[in-house]
């Protein structure tokens, strides 16, 4: 039923997307394996099969290496291939990137991003409760 409803809405994805907001470092990898560019963007959503990355810069190749950190601040990395790009009208470019790792690696990368996002979201909510007035943070030092 869920797959049918996605198809009716124009969705043709194999896996459901989970909304996130993670900083991602990326490298553009040319066909000969050389790195042509590197920068940062933010993941807006992620699934077992890929990621939606938003960045202000044009990515110069179809192949990318995506990097972030897990909850223990270990570097996590996966290769991907850009399957679409679209300007959003505010100067940012959204990229649909299909993971190129083994299925288990893809799931692990996506799960790590989701865990980090929810942990940081929870920590931010606790900070707001502890210091509802931003000036309290300054005066507490």
C-alpha atoms as a PDB file:
ATOM      1  CA  UNK A   1       0.000   0.000   0.000  1.00  0.00           C
ATOM      2  CA  UNK A   2       2.764   2.482   0.891  1.00  0.00           C
ATOM      3  CA  UNK A   3       4.612   1.864  -2.390  1.00  0.00           C
ATOM      4  CA  UNK A   4       1.359   2.303  -4.315  1.00  0.00           C
ATOM      5  CA  UNK A   5       0.622   5.649  -2.659  1.00  0.00           C
ATOM      6  CA  UNK A   6       4.142   6.880  -3.467  1.00  0.00           C
ATOM      7  CA  UNK A   7       3.680   5.898  -7.111  1.00  0.00           C
ATOM      8  CA  UNK A   8       0.369   7.740  -7.264  1.00  0.00           C
ATOM      9  CA  UNK A   9       2.048  10.900  -5.946  1.00  0.00           C
ATOM     10  CA  UNK A  10       4.815  10.672  -8.545  1.00  0.00           C
ATOM     11  CA  UNK A  11       7.296   9.007  -6.188  1.00  0.00           C
ATOM     12  CA  UNK A  12       9.354   6.251  -7.753  1.00  0.00           C
ATOM     13  CA  UNK A  13      11.818   5.664  -4.944  1.00  0.00           C
ATOM     14  CA  UNK A  14      12.715   2.200  -3.761  1.00  0.00           C
ATOM     15  CA  UNK A  15      13.159   3.282  -0.116  1.00  0.00           C
ATOM     16  CA  UNK A  16      11.315   5.867   1.998  1.00  0.00           C
ATOM     17  CA  UNK A  17      13.126   9.104   2.818  1.00  0.00           C
ATOM     18  CA  UNK A  18      13.797  10.353   6.353  1.00  0.00           C
ATOM     19  CA  UNK A  19      14.095  14.096   6.868  1.00  0.00           C
ATOM     20  CA  UNK A  20      17.418  15.223   8.319  1.00  0.00           C
ATOM     21  CA  UNK A  21      19.625  18.272   8.409  1.00  0.00           C
ATOM     22  CA  UNK A  22      23.245  17.111   8.515  1.00  0.00           C
ATOM     23  CA  UNK A  23      26.370  18.883   7.320  1.00  0.00           C
ATOM     24  CA  UNK A  24      28.063  16.846   4.609  1.00  0.00           C
ATOM     25  CA  UNK A  25      31.503  17.324   3.106  1.00  0.00           C
ATOM     26  CA  UNK A  26      31.759  16.144  -0.467  1.00  0.00           C
ATOM     27  CA  UNK A  27      34.404  15.660  -3.110  1.00  0.00           C
ATOM     28  CA  UNK A  28      33.714  15.603  -6.820  1.00  0.00           C
ATOM     29  CA  UNK A  29      35.507  12.658  -8.422  1.00  0.00           C
ATOM     30  CA  UNK A  30      36.284  12.775 -12.139  1.00  0.00           C
ATOM     31  CA  UNK A  31      36.154   9.677 -14.367  1.00  0.00           C
ATOM     32  CA  UNK A  32      39.937   9.268 -14.064  1.00  0.00           C
ATOM     33  CA  UNK A  33      39.642   9.212 -10.244  1.00  0.00           C
ATOM     34  CA  UNK A  34      41.030  12.698  -9.670  1.00  0.00           C
ATOM     35  CA  UNK A  35      39.316  14.991  -7.178  1.00  0.00           C
ATOM     36  CA  UNK A  36      38.116  18.077  -9.052  1.00  0.00           C
ATOM     37  CA  UNK A  37      36.376  19.951  -6.254  1.00  0.00           C
ATOM     38  CA  UNK A  38      35.438  19.709  -2.617  1.00  0.00           C
ATOM     39  CA  UNK A  39      32.979  21.653  -0.524  1.00  0.00           C
ATOM     40  CA  UNK A  40      30.135  21.287   1.959  1.00  0.00           C
ATOM     41  CA  UNK A  41      26.385  21.003   1.765  1.00  0.00           C
ATOM     42  CA  UNK A  42      23.560  19.801   3.921  1.00  0.00           C
ATOM     43  CA  UNK A  43      21.577  16.616   3.731  1.00  0.00           C
ATOM     44  CA  UNK A  44      17.859  17.378   3.695  1.00  0.00           C
ATOM     45  CA  UNK A  45      16.758  13.755   3.653  1.00  0.00           C
ATOM     46  CA  UNK A  46      18.291  10.306   3.432  1.00  0.00           C
ATOM     47  CA  UNK A  47      17.248   6.730   2.700  1.00  0.00           C
ATOM     48  CA  UNK A  48      18.881   3.328   2.397  1.00  0.00           C
ATOM     49  CA  UNK A  49      19.561   4.101  -1.240  1.00  0.00           C
ATOM     50  CA  UNK A  50      20.579   7.735  -1.339  1.00  0.00           C
ATOM     51  CA  UNK A  51      20.539  11.280  -0.097  1.00  0.00           C
ATOM     52  CA  UNK A  52      19.197  14.694  -1.066  1.00  0.00           C
ATOM     53  CA  UNK A  53      22.083  17.120  -0.734  1.00  0.00           C
ATOM     54  CA  UNK A  54      21.658  20.882  -0.959  1.00  0.00           C
ATOM     55  CA  UNK A  55      24.630  23.113  -1.740  1.00  0.00           C
ATOM     56  CA  UNK A  56      25.231  26.623  -3.074  1.00  0.00           C
ATOM     57  CA  UNK A  57      27.868  25.326  -5.490  1.00  0.00           C
ATOM     58  CA  UNK A  58      27.628  23.416  -8.725  1.00  0.00           C
ATOM     59  CA  UNK A  59      29.009  19.889  -8.378  1.00  0.00           C
ATOM     60  CA  UNK A  60      31.270  19.287 -11.351  1.00  0.00           C
ATOM     61  CA  UNK A  61      31.041  15.520 -11.782  1.00  0.00           C
ATOM     62  CA  UNK A  62      28.534  12.677 -11.538  1.00  0.00           C
ATOM     63  CA  UNK A  63      30.607  10.807  -8.950  1.00  0.00           C
ATOM     64  CA  UNK A  64      31.074  12.077  -5.404  1.00  0.00           C
ATOM     65  CA  UNK A  65      32.487  10.989  -2.084  1.00  0.00           C
ATOM     66  CA  UNK A  66      30.231  12.011   0.830  1.00  0.00           C
ATOM     67  CA  UNK A  67      31.666  12.445   4.330  1.00  0.00           C
ATOM     68  CA  UNK A  68      30.283  13.277   7.755  1.00  0.00           C
ATOM     69  CA  UNK A  69      30.858  12.213  11.365  1.00  0.00           C
ATOM     70  CA  UNK A  70      29.008   9.725  13.535  1.00  0.00           C
ATOM     71  CA  UNK A  71      28.031  10.203  17.193  1.00  0.00           C
ATOM     72  CA  UNK A  72      31.565   9.302  18.300  1.00  0.00           C
ATOM     73  CA  UNK A  73      33.031  11.884  15.874  1.00  0.00           C
ATOM     74  CA  UNK A  74      34.424   9.147  13.627  1.00  0.00           C
ATOM     75  CA  UNK A  75      34.593  10.013   9.943  1.00  0.00           C
ATOM     76  CA  UNK A  76      31.993   8.157   7.883  1.00  0.00           C
ATOM     77  CA  UNK A  77      32.225   8.097   4.101  1.00  0.00           C
ATOM     78  CA  UNK A  78      30.396   6.636   1.138  1.00  0.00           C
ATOM     79  CA  UNK A  79      30.623   7.005  -2.628  1.00  0.00           C
ATOM     80  CA  UNK A  80      27.638   8.188  -4.606  1.00  0.00           C
ATOM     81  CA  UNK A  81      26.431   9.056  -8.078  1.00  0.00           C
ATOM     82  CA  UNK A  82      24.354  12.145  -8.853  1.00  0.00           C
ATOM     83  CA  UNK A  83      21.075  11.120 -10.470  1.00  0.00           C
ATOM     84  CA  UNK A  84      19.443  14.553 -10.655  1.00  0.00           C
ATOM     85  CA  UNK A  85      19.979  18.194  -9.805  1.00  0.00           C
ATOM     86  CA  UNK A  86      17.568  21.087  -9.520  1.00  0.00           C
ATOM     87  CA  UNK A  87      17.899  24.758  -8.562  1.00  0.00           C
ATOM     88  CA  UNK A  88      15.474  25.696  -5.817  1.00  0.00           C
ATOM     89  CA  UNK A  89      15.124  29.372  -6.700  1.00  0.00           C
ATOM     90  CA  UNK A  90      17.010  30.749  -3.688  1.00  0.00           C
ATOM     91  CA  UNK A  91      20.510  30.181  -5.037  1.00  0.00           C
ATOM     92  CA  UNK A  92      20.815  26.636  -3.729  1.00  0.00           C
ATOM     93  CA  UNK A  93      21.054  23.491  -5.837  1.00  0.00           C
ATOM     94  CA  UNK A  94      19.490  20.236  -4.707  1.00  0.00           C
ATOM     95  CA  UNK A  95      21.119  16.962  -5.749  1.00  0.00           C
ATOM     96  CA  UNK A  96      19.676  13.489  -5.633  1.00  0.00           C
ATOM     97  CA  UNK A  97      22.602  11.159  -4.989  1.00  0.00           C
ATOM     98  CA  UNK A  98      22.374   7.373  -5.166  1.00  0.00           C
ATOM     99  CA  UNK A  99      24.739   5.567  -2.802  1.00  0.00           C
ATOM    100  CA  UNK A 100      27.278   3.321  -4.543  1.00  0.00           C
ATOM    101  CA  UNK A 101      28.327   1.205  -1.546  1.00  0.00           C
ATOM    102  CA  UNK A 102      27.277  -2.306  -0.648  1.00  0.00           C
ATOM    103  CA  UNK A 103      23.721  -2.433   0.717  1.00  0.00           C
ATOM    104  CA  UNK A 104      24.997  -2.845   4.301  1.00  0.00           C
ATOM    105  CA  UNK A 105      27.336   0.169   3.902  1.00  0.00           C
ATOM    106  CA  UNK A 106      24.497   2.278   2.493  1.00  0.00           C
ATOM    107  CA  UNK A 107      22.245   1.419   5.434  1.00  0.00           C
ATOM    108  CA  UNK A 108      25.011   2.090   7.946  1.00  0.00           C
ATOM    109  CA  UNK A 109      25.820   5.515   6.437  1.00  0.00           C
ATOM    110  CA  UNK A 110      22.138   6.526   6.364  1.00  0.00           C
ATOM    111  CA  UNK A 111      21.524   5.235   9.902  1.00  0.00           C
ATOM    112  CA  UNK A 112      24.509   7.176  11.237  1.00  0.00           C
ATOM    113  CA  UNK A 113      23.241  10.416   9.688  1.00  0.00           C
ATOM    114  CA  UNK A 114      19.770   9.877  11.136  1.00  0.00           C
ATOM    115  CA  UNK A 115      21.168   9.092  14.605  1.00  0.00           C
ATOM    116  CA  UNK A 116      23.367  12.207  14.602  1.00  0.00           C
ATOM    117  CA  UNK A 117      20.484  14.394  13.429  1.00  0.00           C
ATOM    118  CA  UNK A 118      18.098  13.158  16.138  1.00  0.00           C
ATOM    119  CA  UNK A 119      20.743  13.316  18.871  1.00  0.00           C
ATOM    120  CA  UNK A 120      21.645  16.919  17.995  1.00  0.00           C
ATOM    121  CA  UNK A 121      17.979  17.872  17.670  1.00  0.00           C
ATOM    122  CA  UNK A 122      17.337  16.443  21.153  1.00  0.00           C
ATOM    123  CA  UNK A 123      20.387  18.245  22.588  1.00  0.00           C
ATOM    124  CA  UNK A 124      19.237  21.534  21.073  1.00  0.00           C
ATOM    125  CA  UNK A 125      15.767  21.103  22.605  1.00  0.00           C
ATOM    126  CA  UNK A 126      17.345  20.494  26.024  1.00  0.00           C
ATOM    127  CA  UNK A 127      19.500  23.611  25.646  1.00  0.00           C
ATOM    128  CA  UNK A 128      16.437  25.715  24.823  1.00  0.00           C
ATOM    129  CA  UNK A 129      14.677  24.372  27.925  1.00  0.00           C
ATOM    130  CA  UNK A 130      17.726  25.099  30.097  1.00  0.00           C
ATOM    131  CA  UNK A 131      18.249  28.577  28.634  1.00  0.00           C
ATOM    132  CA  UNK A 132      14.951  29.814  27.144  1.00  0.00           C
ATOM    133  CA  UNK A 133      16.365  33.344  27.005  1.00  0.00           C
ATOM    134  CA  UNK A 134      19.511  33.478  24.812  1.00  0.00           C
ATOM    135  CA  UNK A 135      20.901  36.240  27.059  1.00  0.00           C
ATOM    136  CA  UNK A 136      20.956  33.740  29.944  1.00  0.00           C
ATOM    137  CA  UNK A 137      23.610  31.745  28.084  1.00  0.00           C
ATOM    138  CA  UNK A 138      25.834  34.826  27.865  1.00  0.00           C
ATOM    139  CA  UNK A 139      25.350  35.807  31.506  1.00  0.00           C
ATOM    140  CA  UNK A 140      25.825  32.204  32.734  1.00  0.00           C
ATOM    141  CA  UNK A 141      29.487  32.255  31.643  1.00  0.00           C
END
